[in-house]
Each structure stands twice: as C-alpha cells, then as structure tokens.
Amino acid sequence: MIDNRPASFIQQLLSVRRLVETVIGQVTEHFNIEKVRARDLWQLTNRFVRKLLAHTMAVFFNHGLHRQPLQFEGLVQT
C-alpha cells in the first residue's frame, strides 16, 4: 500500500505518538494507575482525576523551573 502523506506529517505523527506513549508509561509507573482500588464510580473517577492532576502539576512545575516537562526525577528531593 502506497502512503501518499508527506514525510513531515508522518514524522510529526510519530513524535506525538511517542509523547503520548511516554505520558501513559509515566502515569502507569509513577502513579500506579493500573491499581486504582475503588468501591464505586465516584471514587474511581476521583482517584483517576487526582492522579492525572498530579502528573499535570509535575509538568507545570518542570516548566516553571525551565526543565524538560517530562523529567520527573529530581523534581522532589527527599
């Protein structure tokens, strides 16, 4: 099958896909999104939204510190 899309579009598409897969991997690894234990739909959505908000805030803090947005290591020091 011949692909008629421009090479620049395909590169942009691959870049966005890599970013999405990286974010999903981070949410899964750092925020343990696979194991959200909840008794009802309200608790499930509440916990899920809190984990996504925590990820978004980490990206925001990195942006404010002029760091790479998805580099969470070293953001919080113990």
C-alpha atoms as a PDB file:
ATOM      1  CA  MET A   1       0.000   0.000   0.000  1.00  0.00           C
ATOM      2  CA  ILE A   2       1.389   3.365  -1.015  1.00  0.00           C
ATOM      3  CA  ASP A   3       1.405   6.115   1.587  1.00  0.00           C
ATOM      4  CA  ASN A   4       0.639   9.484  -0.025  1.00  0.00           C
ATOM      5  CA  ARG A   5       1.108  11.537   3.137  1.00  0.00           C
ATOM      6  CA  PRO A   6       4.087  13.913   3.286  1.00  0.00           C
ATOM      7  CA  ALA A   7       7.121  12.733   5.243  1.00  0.00           C
ATOM      8  CA  SER A   8       6.925  15.751   7.558  1.00  0.00           C
ATOM      9  CA  PHE A   9       3.373  14.799   8.563  1.00  0.00           C
ATOM     10  CA  ILE A  10       4.430  11.230   9.325  1.00  0.00           C
ATOM     11  CA  GLN A  11       7.342  12.476  11.452  1.00  0.00           C
ATOM     12  CA  GLN A  12       5.015  14.783  13.370  1.00  0.00           C
ATOM     13  CA  LEU A  13       2.548  11.945  13.878  1.00  0.00           C
ATOM     14  CA  LEU A  14       5.305   9.668  15.216  1.00  0.00           C
ATOM     15  CA  SER A  15       6.501  12.433  17.534  1.00  0.00           C
ATOM     16  CA  VAL A  16       3.030  12.905  19.017  1.00  0.00           C
ATOM     17  CA  ARG A  17       2.600   9.138  19.393  1.00  0.00           C
ATOM     18  CA  ARG A  18       5.951   8.874  21.229  1.00  0.00           C
ATOM     19  CA  LEU A  19       4.879  11.668  23.593  1.00  0.00           C
ATOM     20  CA  VAL A  20       1.510  10.029  24.313  1.00  0.00           C
ATOM     21  CA  GLU A  21       3.138   6.663  24.991  1.00  0.00           C
ATOM     22  CA  THR A  22       5.683   8.316  27.304  1.00  0.00           C
ATOM     23  CA  VAL A  23       2.955  10.038  29.321  1.00  0.00           C
ATOM     24  CA  ILE A  24       0.945   6.819  29.595  1.00  0.00           C
ATOM     25  CA  GLY A  25       4.068   4.993  30.762  1.00  0.00           C
ATOM     26  CA  GLN A  26       4.806   7.647  33.375  1.00  0.00           C
ATOM     27  CA  VAL A  27       1.264   7.658  34.724  1.00  0.00           C
ATOM     28  CA  THR A  28       1.348   3.870  34.895  1.00  0.00           C
ATOM     29  CA  GLU A  29       4.763   3.692  36.575  1.00  0.00           C
ATOM     30  CA  HIS A  30       4.862   6.708  38.887  1.00  0.00           C
ATOM     31  CA  PHE A  31       1.202   6.988  39.819  1.00  0.00           C
ATOM     32  CA  ASN A  32       0.290   3.290  39.783  1.00  0.00           C
ATOM     33  CA  ILE A  33      -2.776   3.918  37.622  1.00  0.00           C
ATOM     34  CA  GLU A  34      -3.281   0.212  36.911  1.00  0.00           C
ATOM     35  CA  LYS A  35      -4.274  -0.483  40.512  1.00  0.00           C
ATOM     36  CA  VAL A  36      -6.947   2.046  41.361  1.00  0.00           C
ATOM     37  CA  ARG A  37      -8.988   0.394  44.064  1.00  0.00           C
ATOM     38  CA  ALA A  38     -12.409   1.938  44.370  1.00  0.00           C
ATOM     39  CA  ARG A  39     -15.790   0.802  45.646  1.00  0.00           C
ATOM     40  CA  ASP A  40     -17.912   2.872  43.305  1.00  0.00           C
ATOM     41  CA  LEU A  41     -17.720   5.029  40.201  1.00  0.00           C
ATOM     42  CA  TRP A  42     -17.305   8.275  42.168  1.00  0.00           C
ATOM     43  CA  GLN A  43     -14.199   7.024  43.971  1.00  0.00           C
ATOM     44  CA  LEU A  44     -12.787   5.598  40.741  1.00  0.00           C
ATOM     45  CA  THR A  45     -13.142   8.844  38.825  1.00  0.00           C
ATOM     46  CA  ASN A  46     -11.935  10.896  41.796  1.00  0.00           C
ATOM     47  CA  ARG A  47      -8.742   8.862  42.182  1.00  0.00           C
ATOM     48  CA  PHE A  48      -8.121   8.791  38.447  1.00  0.00           C
ATOM     49  CA  VAL A  49      -8.540  12.562  38.115  1.00  0.00           C
ATOM     50  CA  ARG A  50      -6.268  13.196  41.121  1.00  0.00           C
ATOM     51  CA  LYS A  51      -3.515  11.093  39.559  1.00  0.00           C
ATOM     52  CA  LEU A  52      -3.827  12.915  36.243  1.00  0.00           C
ATOM     53  CA  LEU A  53      -3.813  16.251  38.070  1.00  0.00           C
ATOM     54  CA  ALA A  54      -0.625  15.258  39.923  1.00  0.00           C
ATOM     55  CA  HIS A  55       1.029  14.431  36.594  1.00  0.00           C
ATOM     56  CA  THR A  56      -0.120  17.737  35.110  1.00  0.00           C
ATOM     57  CA  MET A  57       1.204  19.662  38.112  1.00  0.00           C
ATOM     58  CA  ALA A  58       4.594  17.938  37.815  1.00  0.00           C
ATOM     59  CA  VAL A  59       4.781  19.020  34.169  1.00  0.00           C
ATOM     60  CA  PHE A  60       3.783  22.560  35.199  1.00  0.00           C
ATOM     61  CA  PHE A  61       6.480  22.708  37.906  1.00  0.00           C
ATOM     62  CA  ASN A  62       9.110  21.465  35.473  1.00  0.00           C
ATOM     63  CA  HIS A  63       8.067  24.145  33.002  1.00  0.00           C
ATOM     64  CA  GLY A  64       8.371  26.798  35.711  1.00  0.00           C
ATOM     65  CA  LEU A  65      11.860  25.544  36.606  1.00  0.00           C
ATOM     66  CA  HIS A  66      12.911  25.611  32.920  1.00  0.00           C
ATOM     67  CA  ARG A  67      13.395  21.844  32.837  1.00  0.00           C
ATOM     68  CA  GLN A  68      12.210  19.246  30.363  1.00  0.00           C
ATOM     69  CA  PRO A  69       8.465  18.778  31.003  1.00  0.00           C
ATOM     70  CA  LEU A  70       8.533  15.009  31.465  1.00  0.00           C
ATOM     71  CA  GLN A  71      11.708  14.735  33.562  1.00  0.00           C
ATOM     72  CA  PHE A  72      10.230  13.975  36.978  1.00  0.00           C
ATOM     73  CA  GLU A  73      13.409  12.605  38.538  1.00  0.00           C
ATOM     74  CA  GLY A  74      14.914  15.203  40.822  1.00  0.00           C
ATOM     75  CA  LEU A  75      11.751  17.296  40.921  1.00  0.00           C
ATOM     76  CA  VAL A  76      11.055  16.312  44.530  1.00  0.00           C
ATOM     77  CA  GLN A  77      14.074  15.653  46.700  1.00  0.00           C
ATOM     78  CA  THR A  78      13.770  13.611  49.861  1.00  0.00           C
END
